[in-house]
PDB file of N, CA and C in Angstrom:
ATOM      1  N   GLY A   1       0.631  -1.383   0.062  1.00  0.00           N
ATOM      2  CA  GLY A   1      -0.151  -0.106   0.123  1.00  0.00           C
ATOM      3  C   GLY A   1       1.070   1.314  -0.063  1.00  0.00           C
ATOM      4  N   ALA A   2       1.703   1.463   0.912  1.00  0.00           N
ATOM      5  CA  ALA A   2       2.259   2.848   1.419  1.00  0.00           C
ATOM      6  C   ALA A   2       3.685   2.771   0.261  1.00  0.00           C
ATOM      7  N   GLY A   3       3.822   1.865   0.151  1.00  0.00           N
ATOM      8  CA  GLY A   3       5.283   1.485  -0.639  1.00  0.00           C
ATOM      9  C   GLY A   3       4.763   1.717  -2.135  1.00  0.00           C
ATOM     10  N   VAL A   4       3.745   1.349  -2.560  1.00  0.00           N
ATOM     11  CA  VAL A   4       3.418   1.264  -4.189  1.00  0.00           C
ATOM     12  C   VAL A   4       2.680   3.090  -3.973  1.00  0.00           C
ATOM     13  N   SER A   5       2.491   3.373  -3.429  1.00  0.00           N
ATOM     14  CA  SER A   5       1.866   4.767  -3.477  1.00  0.00           C
ATOM     15  C   SER A   5       3.329   5.773  -3.554  1.00  0.00           C
ATOM     16  N   SER A   6       3.913   5.479  -2.496  1.00  0.00           N
ATOM     17  CA  SER A   6       5.369   6.399  -2.656  1.00  0.00           C
ATOM     18  C   SER A   6       6.146   6.097  -4.010  1.00  0.00           C
ATOM     19  N   ALA A   7       6.196   4.957  -4.319  1.00  0.00           N
ATOM     20  CA  ALA A   7       6.705   4.557  -5.606  1.00  0.00           C
ATOM     21  C   ALA A   7       6.212   5.464  -6.707  1.00  0.00           C
ATOM     22  N   LEU A   8       4.815   5.206  -6.783  1.00  0.00           N
ATOM     23  CA  LEU A   8       3.794   6.064  -7.781  1.00  0.00           C
ATOM     24  C   LEU A   8       4.187   7.508  -7.571  1.00  0.00           C
ATOM     25  N   ILE A   9       4.555   7.983  -6.623  1.00  0.00           N
ATOM     26  CA  ILE A   9       4.522   9.266  -6.364  1.00  0.00           C
ATOM     27  C   ILE A   9       5.758   9.725  -7.188  1.00  0.00           C
ATOM     28  N   ALA A  10       6.649   9.228  -6.791  1.00  0.00           N
ATOM     29  CA  ALA A  10       8.418   9.432  -7.254  1.00  0.00           C
ATOM     30  C   ALA A  10       8.388   9.300  -8.721  1.00  0.00           C
ATOM     31  N   VAL A  11       7.662   8.384  -9.106  1.00  0.00           N
ATOM     32  CA  VAL A  11       7.656   8.262 -10.905  1.00  0.00           C
ATOM     33  C   VAL A  11       7.122   9.604 -11.478  1.00  0.00           C
ATOM     34  N   ILE A  12       5.602   9.774 -10.730  1.00  0.00           N
ATOM     35  CA  ILE A  12       4.924  11.001 -11.303  1.00  0.00           C
ATOM     36  C   ILE A  12       5.577  12.333 -11.146  1.00  0.00           C
ATOM     37  N   SER A  13       6.176  12.365 -10.206  1.00  0.00           N
ATOM     38  CA  SER A  13       6.975  13.685  -9.992  1.00  0.00           C
ATOM     39  C   SER A  13       8.276  13.706 -10.775  1.00  0.00           C
ATOM     40  N   ARG A  14       8.815  12.659 -11.177  1.00  0.00           N
ATOM     41  CA  ARG A  14       9.750  12.330 -12.027  1.00  0.00           C
ATOM     42  C   ARG A  14       9.589  13.091 -13.166  1.00  0.00           C
ATOM     43  N   LYS A  15       8.437  12.525 -13.941  1.00  0.00           N
ATOM     44  CA  LYS A  15       7.811  13.282 -15.143  1.00  0.00           C
ATOM     45  C   LYS A  15       7.455  14.446 -15.079  1.00  0.00           C
ATOM     46  N   LEU A  16       7.360  15.032 -13.826  1.00  0.00           N
ATOM     47  CA  LEU A  16       6.648  16.055 -14.225  1.00  0.00           C
ATOM     48  C   LEU A  16       7.544  17.669 -14.141  1.00  0.00           C
ATOM     49  N   GLU A  17       8.971  16.683 -13.708  1.00  0.00           N
ATOM     50  CA  GLU A  17      10.007  17.693 -13.429  1.00  0.00           C
ATOM     51  C   GLU A  17      10.642  18.124 -15.077  1.00  0.00           C
ATOM     52  N   LEU A  18      10.863  19.276 -14.980  1.00  0.00           N
ATOM     53  CA  LEU A  18      11.040  20.130 -16.068  1.00  0.00           C
ATOM     54  C   LEU A  18      12.578  19.634 -16.606  1.00  0.00           C
ATOM     55  N   SER A  19      13.178  19.665 -17.656  1.00  0.00           N
ATOM     56  CA  SER A  19      14.565  19.204 -18.063  1.00  0.00           C
ATOM     57  C   SER A  19      15.088  20.612 -17.399  1.00  0.00           C
ATOM     58  N   ARG A  20      16.821  20.594 -17.934  1.00  0.00           N
ATOM     59  CA  ARG A  20      17.306  21.802 -18.127  1.00  0.00           C
ATOM     60  C   ARG A  20      17.227  22.976 -18.809  1.00  0.00           C
ATOM     61  N   ALA A  21      16.973  22.398 -19.833  1.00  0.00           N
ATOM     62  CA  ALA A  21      16.403  23.567 -21.278  1.00  0.00           C
ATOM     63  C   ALA A  21      15.013  23.524 -20.908  1.00  0.00           C
ATOM     64  N   GLU A  22      14.303  23.209 -20.587  1.00  0.00           N
ATOM     65  CA  GLU A  22      12.932  23.578 -20.064  1.00  0.00           C
ATOM     66  C   GLU A  22      12.989  24.695 -19.065  1.00  0.00           C
ATOM     67  N   LYS A  23      13.796  24.323 -17.985  1.00  0.00           N
ATOM     68  CA  LYS A  23      14.100  25.262 -16.796  1.00  0.00           C
ATOM     69  C   LYS A  23      14.505  26.988 -17.035  1.00  0.00           C
ATOM     70  N   HIS A  24      15.554  26.416 -18.208  1.00  0.00           N
ATOM     71  CA  HIS A  24      15.932  28.158 -18.733  1.00  0.00           C
ATOM     72  C   HIS A  24      15.117  28.513 -19.541  1.00  0.00           C
ATOM     73  N   VAL A  25      14.237  27.881 -20.286  1.00  0.00           N
ATOM     74  CA  VAL A  25      13.321  28.750 -21.247  1.00  0.00           C
ATOM     75  C   VAL A  25      12.074  29.276 -19.917  1.00  0.00           C
ATOM     76  N   ASN A  26      11.909  28.413 -19.049  1.00  0.00           N
ATOM     77  CA  ASN A  26      10.937  28.946 -18.088  1.00  0.00           C
ATOM     78  C   ASN A  26      11.383  30.294 -17.401  1.00  0.00           C
ATOM     79  N   ASN A  27      12.620  30.038 -17.174  1.00  0.00           N
ATOM     80  CA  ASN A  27      13.204  31.587 -16.331  1.00  0.00           C
ATOM     81  C   ASN A  27      13.345  32.625 -17.328  1.00  0.00           C
ATOM     82  N   PHE A  28      13.727  32.122 -18.717  1.00  0.00           N
ATOM     83  CA  PHE A  28      13.686  33.566 -19.421  1.00  0.00           C
ATOM     84  C   PHE A  28      12.701  34.154 -19.732  1.00  0.00           C
ATOM     85  N   MET A  29      11.329  33.188 -19.827  1.00  0.00           N
ATOM     86  CA  MET A  29      10.095  33.658 -20.070  1.00  0.00           C
ATOM     87  C   MET A  29       9.503  34.570 -18.863  1.00  0.00           C
ATOM     88  N   ALA A  30       9.830  33.935 -17.421  1.00  0.00           N
ATOM     89  CA  ALA A  30       9.549  34.909 -16.317  1.00  0.00           C
ATOM     90  C   ALA A  30      10.238  35.757 -16.123  1.00  0.00           C
ATOM     91  N   ASP A  31      11.541  36.173 -16.472  1.00  0.00           N
ATOM     92  CA  ASP A  31      12.284  37.215 -16.737  1.00  0.00           C
ATOM     93  C   ASP A  31      11.918  38.600 -17.438  1.00  0.00           C
ATOM     94  N   SER A  32      11.633  38.081 -18.753  1.00  0.00           N
ATOM     95  CA  SER A  32      10.868  38.717 -19.940  1.00  0.00           C
ATOM     96  C   SER A  32       9.608  39.316 -19.248  1.00  0.00           C
ATOM     97  N   LYS A  33       8.965  38.636 -18.559  1.00  0.00           N
ATOM     98  CA  LYS A  33       7.412  39.316 -17.942  1.00  0.00           C
ATOM     99  C   LYS A  33       7.676  40.177 -16.961  1.00  0.00           C
ATOM    100  N   LEU A  34       8.560  39.840 -16.162  1.00  0.00           N
ATOM    101  CA  LEU A  34       8.954  41.077 -15.291  1.00  0.00           C
ATOM    102  C   LEU A  34       9.647  42.182 -15.892  1.00  0.00           C
ATOM    103  N   THR A  35      10.737  42.388 -16.697  1.00  0.00           N
ATOM    104  CA  THR A  35      11.038  43.235 -17.508  1.00  0.00           C
ATOM    105  C   THR A  35       9.797  44.083 -17.802  1.00  0.00           C
ATOM    106  N   ASN A  36       8.775  43.539 -18.994  1.00  0.00           N
ATOM    107  CA  ASN A  36       7.815  43.969 -19.327  1.00  0.00           C
ATOM    108  C   ASN A  36       6.953  44.763 -18.261  1.00  0.00           C
ATOM    109  N   GLN A  37       6.295  44.055 -17.096  1.00  0.00           N
ATOM    110  CA  GLN A  37       5.854  44.667 -16.144  1.00  0.00           C
ATOM    111  C   GLN A  37       6.566  46.038 -15.563  1.00  0.00           C
ATOM    112  N   ARG A  38       8.152  46.052 -15.195  1.00  0.00           N
ATOM    113  CA  ARG A  38       8.656  46.860 -14.898  1.00  0.00           C
ATOM    114  C   ARG A  38       8.723  48.038 -16.152  1.00  0.00           C
ATOM    115  N   LYS A  39       9.015  48.063 -17.066  1.00  0.00           N
ATOM    116  CA  LYS A  39       9.154  49.031 -18.327  1.00  0.00           C
ATOM    117  C   LYS A  39       7.393  49.308 -18.060  1.00  0.00           C
ATOM    118  N   ASN A  40       6.347  48.715 -18.196  1.00  0.00           N
ATOM    119  CA  ASN A  40       4.970  49.532 -17.981  1.00  0.00           C
ATOM    120  C   ASN A  40       4.861  50.242 -16.876  1.00  0.00           C
ATOM    121  N   ALA A  41       5.129  49.863 -15.562  1.00  0.00           N
ATOM    122  CA  ALA A  41       5.354  50.832 -14.165  1.00  0.00           C
ATOM    123  C   ALA A  41       6.023  51.945 -14.710  1.00  0.00           C
ATOM    124  N   ALA A  42       7.382  51.805 -15.021  1.00  0.00           N
ATOM    125  CA  ALA A  42       7.863  53.265 -15.378  1.00  0.00           C
ATOM    126  C   ALA A  42       7.472  54.170 -16.119  1.00  0.00           C
ATOM    127  N   ALA A  43       6.476  53.463 -17.351  1.00  0.00           N
ATOM    128  CA  ALA A  43       5.480  54.413 -18.363  1.00  0.00           C
ATOM    129  C   ALA A  43       4.706  54.982 -17.638  1.00  0.00           C
ATOM    130  N   LEU A  44       3.936  54.214 -16.921  1.00  0.00           N
ATOM    131  CA  LEU A  44       2.846  54.879 -15.804  1.00  0.00           C
ATOM    132  C   LEU A  44       3.094  55.916 -15.075  1.00  0.00           C
ATOM    133  N   VAL A  45       4.527  55.736 -14.618  1.00  0.00           N
ATOM    134  CA  VAL A  45       4.963  57.115 -13.541  1.00  0.00           C
ATOM    135  C   VAL A  45       4.825  58.099 -14.045  1.00  0.00           C
ATOM    136  N   LEU A  46       5.637  57.880 -15.711  1.00  0.00           N
ATOM    137  CA  LEU A  46       5.892  59.330 -16.350  1.00  0.00           C
ATOM    138  C   LEU A  46       4.893  59.851 -16.623  1.00  0.00           C
ATOM    139  N   GLN A  47       4.006  58.956 -17.394  1.00  0.00           N
ATOM    140  CA  GLN A  47       2.646  59.444 -17.584  1.00  0.00           C
ATOM    141  C   GLN A  47       1.930  60.076 -16.286  1.00  0.00           C
ATOM    142  N   GLN A  48       1.909  59.807 -15.519  1.00  0.00           N
ATOM    143  CA  GLN A  48       1.182  60.464 -14.217  1.00  0.00           C
ATOM    144  C   GLN A  48       1.777  61.787 -13.794  1.00  0.00           C
ATOM    145  N   THR A  49       3.374  61.567 -13.739  1.00  0.00           N
ATOM    146  CA  THR A  49       3.634  62.949 -13.315  1.00  0.00           C
ATOM    147  C   THR A  49       4.283  63.879 -14.225  1.00  0.00           C
ATOM    148  N   TRP A  50       4.125  63.588 -15.356  1.00  0.00           N
ATOM    149  CA  TRP A  50       4.967  64.653 -16.358  1.00  0.00           C
ATOM    150  C   TRP A  50       4.240  65.562 -16.411  1.00  0.00           C
ATOM    151  N   PRO A  51       2.585  65.449 -16.373  1.00  0.00           N
ATOM    152  CA  PRO A  51       1.787  67.142 -16.211  1.00  0.00           C
ATOM    153  C   PRO A  51       2.128  68.047 -15.261  1.00  0.00           C
ATOM    154  N   VAL A  52       2.655  67.149 -13.997  1.00  0.00           N
ATOM    155  CA  VAL A  52       3.045  68.090 -12.753  1.00  0.00           C
ATOM    156  C   VAL A  52       4.425  69.044 -13.062  1.00  0.00           C
ATOM    157  N   TYR A  53       5.417  68.125 -13.421  1.00  0.00           N
ATOM    158  CA  TYR A  53       6.336  68.544 -13.828  1.00  0.00           C
ATOM    159  C   TYR A  53       6.902  69.529 -14.969  1.00  0.00           C
ATOM    160  N   LYS A  54       5.884  69.455 -16.105  1.00  0.00           N
ATOM    161  CA  LYS A  54       5.350  70.386 -17.111  1.00  0.00           C
ATOM    162  C   LYS A  54       4.995  71.453 -16.402  1.00  0.00           C
ATOM    163  N   ASP A  55       3.931  71.783 -15.697  1.00  0.00           N
ATOM    164  CA  ASP A  55       3.468  73.035 -15.145  1.00  0.00           C
ATOM    165  C   ASP A  55       4.245  73.548 -14.037  1.00  0.00           C
ATOM    166  N   PHE A  56       5.094  73.045 -13.699  1.00  0.00           N
ATOM    167  CA  PHE A  56       5.790  73.113 -12.421  1.00  0.00           C
ATOM    168  C   PHE A  56       7.252  74.071 -12.929  1.00  0.00           C
ATOM    169  N   PHE A  57       7.593  73.835 -14.172  1.00  0.00           N
ATOM    170  CA  PHE A  57       8.615  74.903 -14.995  1.00  0.00           C
ATOM    171  C   PHE A  57       8.226  75.442 -16.389  1.00  0.00           C
TER     172      PHE A  57
END
Protein backbone atom coordinates (compact mmCIF):
# COMPACT_ATOMS: atom_id res chain seq x y z
CA GLY A 1 0.00 0.00 0.00
CA ALA A 2 2.30 2.73 1.24
CA GLY A 3 5.31 1.50 -0.73
CA VAL A 4 3.34 1.36 -3.96
CA SER A 5 1.93 4.83 -3.32
CA SER A 6 5.34 6.33 -2.65
CA ALA A 7 6.81 4.65 -5.75
CA LEU A 8 3.93 5.95 -7.87
CA ILE A 9 4.38 9.46 -6.51
CA ALA A 10 8.12 9.30 -7.20
CA VAL A 11 7.53 8.23 -10.81
CA ILE A 12 4.89 10.91 -11.40
CA SER A 13 7.01 13.66 -9.84
CA ARG A 14 9.99 12.65 -11.97
CA LYS A 15 7.81 12.87 -15.09
CA LEU A 16 6.62 16.35 -14.05
CA GLU A 17 10.13 17.72 -13.49
CA LEU A 18 11.39 20.12 -16.12
CA SER A 19 14.51 19.38 -18.08
CA ARG A 20 17.45 21.78 -17.84
CA ALA A 21 16.54 23.41 -21.17
CA GLU A 22 12.90 23.74 -20.12
CA LYS A 23 13.99 25.38 -16.86
CA HIS A 24 16.10 27.89 -18.80
CA VAL A 25 13.21 28.71 -21.11
CA ASN A 26 10.85 29.03 -18.16
CA ASN A 27 13.25 31.37 -16.34
CA PHE A 28 13.76 33.44 -19.49
CA MET A 29 10.01 33.84 -19.95
CA ALA A 30 9.54 34.82 -16.31
CA ASP A 31 12.36 37.37 -16.56
CA SER A 32 10.86 38.77 -19.77
CA LYS A 33 7.49 39.13 -18.08
CA LEU A 34 9.03 40.94 -15.10
CA THR A 35 11.01 43.23 -17.39
CA ASN A 36 7.87 44.09 -19.33
CA GLN A 37 5.93 44.78 -16.11
CA ARG A 38 8.76 47.00 -14.88
CA LYS A 39 8.78 48.97 -18.14
CA ASN A 40 5.01 49.40 -17.99
CA ALA A 41 5.20 50.61 -14.40
CA ALA A 42 7.92 53.12 -15.29
CA ALA A 43 5.88 54.39 -18.24
CA LEU A 44 2.83 54.78 -16.02
CA VAL A 45 4.84 56.79 -13.49
CA LEU A 46 6.09 59.07 -16.26
CA GLN A 47 2.57 59.49 -17.65
CA GLN A 48 1.19 60.42 -14.26
CA THR A 49 4.00 62.76 -13.18
CA TRP A 50 4.75 64.52 -16.48
CA PRO A 51 1.84 67.02 -16.25
CA VAL A 52 2.95 68.05 -12.76
CA TYR A 53 6.55 68.48 -13.90
CA LYS A 54 5.51 70.31 -17.07
CA ASP A 55 3.37 72.84 -15.14
CA PHE A 56 6.06 73.33 -12.51
CA PHE A 57 8.61 74.69 -15.00
